[in-house]
C-alpha atoms as a PDB file:
ATOM      1  CA  MET A   1     -69.606 -79.473  40.224  1.00  0.00           C
ATOM      2  CA  PRO A   2     -71.610 -80.775  37.161  1.00  0.00           C
ATOM      3  CA  LYS A   3     -70.403 -81.734  34.004  1.00  0.00           C
ATOM      4  CA  LEU A   4     -70.670 -78.581  31.469  1.00  0.00           C
ATOM      5  CA  LYS A   5     -72.899 -79.391  28.563  1.00  0.00           C
ATOM      6  CA  THR A   6     -72.376 -78.686  24.823  1.00  0.00           C
ATOM      7  CA  HIS A   7     -74.567 -76.040  22.950  1.00  0.00           C
ATOM      8  CA  LYS A   8     -76.565 -78.519  20.980  1.00  0.00           C
ATOM      9  CA  GLY A   9     -77.922 -75.962  18.326  1.00  0.00           C
ATOM     10  CA  MET A  10     -74.085 -74.826  17.623  1.00  0.00           C
ATOM     11  CA  LYS A  11     -73.222 -78.768  17.499  1.00  0.00           C
ATOM     12  CA  LYS A  12     -75.554 -79.114  14.735  1.00  0.00           C
ATOM     13  CA  ARG A  13     -73.984 -76.002  12.536  1.00  0.00           C
ATOM     14  CA  PHE A  14     -70.861 -76.181  13.298  1.00  0.00           C
ATOM     15  CA  LYS A  15     -67.596 -78.647  12.589  1.00  0.00           C
ATOM     16  CA  ILE A  16     -64.236 -77.994  14.107  1.00  0.00           C
ATOM     17  CA  SER A  17     -61.358 -79.484  12.402  1.00  0.00           C
ATOM     18  CA  ALA A  18     -57.887 -81.119  13.493  1.00  0.00           C
ATOM     19  CA  THR A  19     -56.443 -77.738  13.880  1.00  0.00           C
ATOM     20  CA  GLY A  20     -58.729 -75.757  15.606  1.00  0.00           C
ATOM     21  CA  LYS A  21     -60.550 -73.962  12.278  1.00  0.00           C
ATOM     22  CA  VAL A  22     -64.331 -73.598  12.267  1.00  0.00           C
ATOM     23  CA  SER A  23     -66.738 -74.529   9.151  1.00  0.00           C
ATOM     24  CA  HIS A  24     -70.125 -73.932   8.746  1.00  0.00           C
ATOM     25  CA  LYS A  25     -72.700 -74.025   6.132  1.00  0.00           C
ATOM     26  CA  ARG A  26     -73.310 -71.144   4.084  1.00  0.00           C
ATOM     27  CA  CYS A  27     -76.701 -69.100   3.887  1.00  0.00           C
ATOM     28  CA  GLY A  28     -78.913 -68.866   1.209  1.00  0.00           C
ATOM     29  CA  SER A  29     -79.104 -72.494  -0.707  1.00  0.00           C
ATOM     30  CA  SER A  30     -81.813 -73.778   0.600  1.00  0.00           C
ATOM     31  CA  HIS A  31     -84.796 -72.494  -1.689  1.00  0.00           C
ATOM     32  CA  LEU A  32     -85.329 -69.793  -4.852  1.00  0.00           C
ATOM     33  CA  MET A  33     -82.354 -70.816  -6.577  1.00  0.00           C
ATOM     34  CA  SER A  34     -83.498 -70.102  -9.852  1.00  0.00           C
ATOM     35  CA  HIS A  35     -82.615 -66.806 -10.425  1.00  0.00           C
ATOM     36  CA  LYS A  36     -79.298 -67.171  -8.814  1.00  0.00           C
ATOM     37  CA  SER A  37     -76.466 -67.764 -11.167  1.00  0.00           C
ATOM     38  CA  GLY A  38     -74.734 -71.111 -11.046  1.00  0.00           C
ATOM     39  CA  LYS A  39     -71.344 -70.055 -10.075  1.00  0.00           C
ATOM     40  CA  GLN A  40     -73.298 -68.646  -7.113  1.00  0.00           C
ATOM     41  CA  VAL A  41     -74.619 -72.000  -6.649  1.00  0.00           C
ATOM     42  CA  ARG A  42     -71.655 -74.039  -6.743  1.00  0.00           C
ATOM     43  CA  ARG A  43     -69.994 -71.619  -4.182  1.00  0.00           C
ATOM     44  CA  LEU A  44     -72.915 -71.836  -1.950  1.00  0.00           C
ATOM     45  CA  ARG A  45     -72.213 -75.484  -1.746  1.00  0.00           C
ATOM     46  CA  LYS A  46     -68.958 -75.365  -0.181  1.00  0.00           C
ATOM     47  CA  LYS A  47     -68.385 -75.024   3.820  1.00  0.00           C
ATOM     48  CA  SER A  48     -67.052 -71.993   4.606  1.00  0.00           C
ATOM     49  CA  ILE A  49     -64.625 -71.263   7.611  1.00  0.00           C
ATOM     50  CA  LEU A  50     -64.655 -68.555  10.000  1.00  0.00           C
ATOM     51  CA  SER A  51     -62.796 -65.778   9.590  1.00  0.00           C
ATOM     52  CA  VAL A  52     -62.649 -63.947  12.983  1.00  0.00           C
ATOM     53  CA  SER A  53     -60.704 -65.897  15.364  1.00  0.00           C
ATOM     54  CA  ALA A  54     -62.855 -64.438  18.410  1.00  0.00           C
ATOM     55  CA  GLU A  55     -65.971 -66.153  17.244  1.00  0.00           C
ATOM     56  CA  ALA A  56     -64.277 -68.961  16.237  1.00  0.00           C
ATOM     57  CA  HIS A  57     -62.905 -68.948  19.897  1.00  0.00           C
ATOM     58  CA  ARG A  58     -66.054 -68.894  21.375  1.00  0.00           C
ATOM     59  CA  ILE A  59     -68.086 -71.655  19.126  1.00  0.00           C
ATOM     60  CA  ARG A  60     -65.498 -73.930  20.419  1.00  0.00           C
ATOM     61  CA  ASN A  61     -66.044 -72.862  23.910  1.00  0.00           C
ATOM     62  CA  ALA A  62     -69.525 -73.619  23.364  1.00  0.00           C
ATOM     63  CA  LEU A  63     -68.725 -77.025  21.929  1.00  0.00           C
ATOM     64  CA  LEU A  64     -65.839 -77.638  24.407  1.00  0.00           C
ATOM     65  CA  ARG A  65     -63.807 -79.023  22.124  1.00  0.00           C
ATOM     66  CA  GLN A  66     -60.290 -77.541  21.517  1.00  0.00           C
ATOM     67  CA  GLN A  67     -60.711 -74.773  23.659  1.00  0.00           C
ATOM     68  CA  SER A  68     -57.286 -73.245  23.740  1.00  0.00           C
ATOM     69  CA  GLU A  69     -56.186 -73.788  19.961  1.00  0.00           C
ATOM     70  CA  ASN A  70     -55.358 -70.728  17.665  1.00  0.00           C
ATOM     71  CA  PRO A  71     -55.141 -72.085  14.299  1.00  0.00           C
ATOM     72  CA  ASP A  72     -53.115 -69.558  13.076  1.00  0.00           C
ATOM     73  CA  VAL A  73     -50.793 -70.552  15.722  1.00  0.00           C
ATOM     74  CA  VAL A  74     -51.215 -74.043  14.933  1.00  0.00           C
ATOM     75  CA  HIS A  75     -50.374 -73.683  11.411  1.00  0.00           C
ATOM     76  CA  ALA A  76     -47.027 -71.822  12.191  1.00  0.00           C
ATOM     77  CA  LEU A  77     -46.007 -74.750  14.376  1.00  0.00           C
ATOM     78  CA  LYS A  78     -46.792 -76.812  11.589  1.00  0.00           C
ATOM     79  CA  LEU A  79     -44.549 -74.845   9.262  1.00  0.00           C
ATOM     80  CA  ALA A  80     -42.116 -74.335  11.726  1.00  0.00           C
ATOM     81  CA  ALA A  81     -42.124 -78.331  11.792  1.00  0.00           C
ATOM     82  CA  VAL A  82     -41.383 -78.837   7.977  1.00  0.00           C
ATOM     83  CA  ALA A  83     -38.610 -76.500   7.634  1.00  0.00           C
ATOM     84  CA  ASP A  84     -36.535 -77.880  10.364  1.00  0.00           C
ATOM     85  CA  LYS A  85     -37.463 -81.138   8.744  1.00  0.00           C
ATOM     86  CA  ALA A  86     -36.490 -79.815   5.529  1.00  0.00           C
ATOM     87  CA  ALA A  87     -33.008 -78.480   7.111  1.00  0.00           C
ATOM     88  CA  GLY A  88     -32.316 -81.832   9.170  1.00  0.00           C
ATOM     89  CA  GLU A  89     -32.725 -83.635   5.572  1.00  0.00           C
ATOM     90  CA  ALA A  90     -30.651 -81.134   3.637  1.00  0.00           C
ATOM     91  CA  ALA A  91     -27.775 -81.135   6.072  1.00  0.00           C
ATOM     92  CA  PRO A  92     -26.688 -85.061   6.329  1.00  0.00           C
ATOM     93  CA  SER A  93     -26.436 -84.893   2.119  1.00  0.00           C
ATOM     94  CA  ALA A  94     -23.890 -82.089   2.633  1.00  0.00           C
ATOM     95  CA  GLU A  95     -21.866 -83.797   4.911  1.00  0.00           C
ATOM     96  CA  ALA A  96     -21.888 -86.962   2.654  1.00  0.00           C
ATOM     97  CA  GLU A  97     -20.394 -84.974  -0.377  1.00  0.00           C
ATOM     98  CA  THR A  98     -17.695 -83.884   2.075  1.00  0.00           C
ATOM     99  CA  LYS A  99     -16.648 -87.161   3.282  1.00  0.00           C
ATOM    100  CA  SER A 100     -16.515 -88.584  -0.421  1.00  0.00           C
ATOM    101  CA  GLU A 101     -14.086 -86.020  -1.684  1.00  0.00           C
END
């Protein structure tokens, strides 16, 4: 079976983060900027992250990158790991206080 090819048009327009989030450039910022407010122009400079997870999954499949990743699950796992680490560091200090007494 031949290798799968990435979708070159999507590769140019979208970027996938390490956690699987899909970002893209906002539309409407290439010309006709004189009538737009400064606040709108500054906002259009920044990249946007796709909020629809189904669309993000479709784009990750087309780019053949992190196809099974779900950013919401990755974020939840990261928070759980941080909580476990904080709980692990808090427990030895409590034990040390009881031993010193």
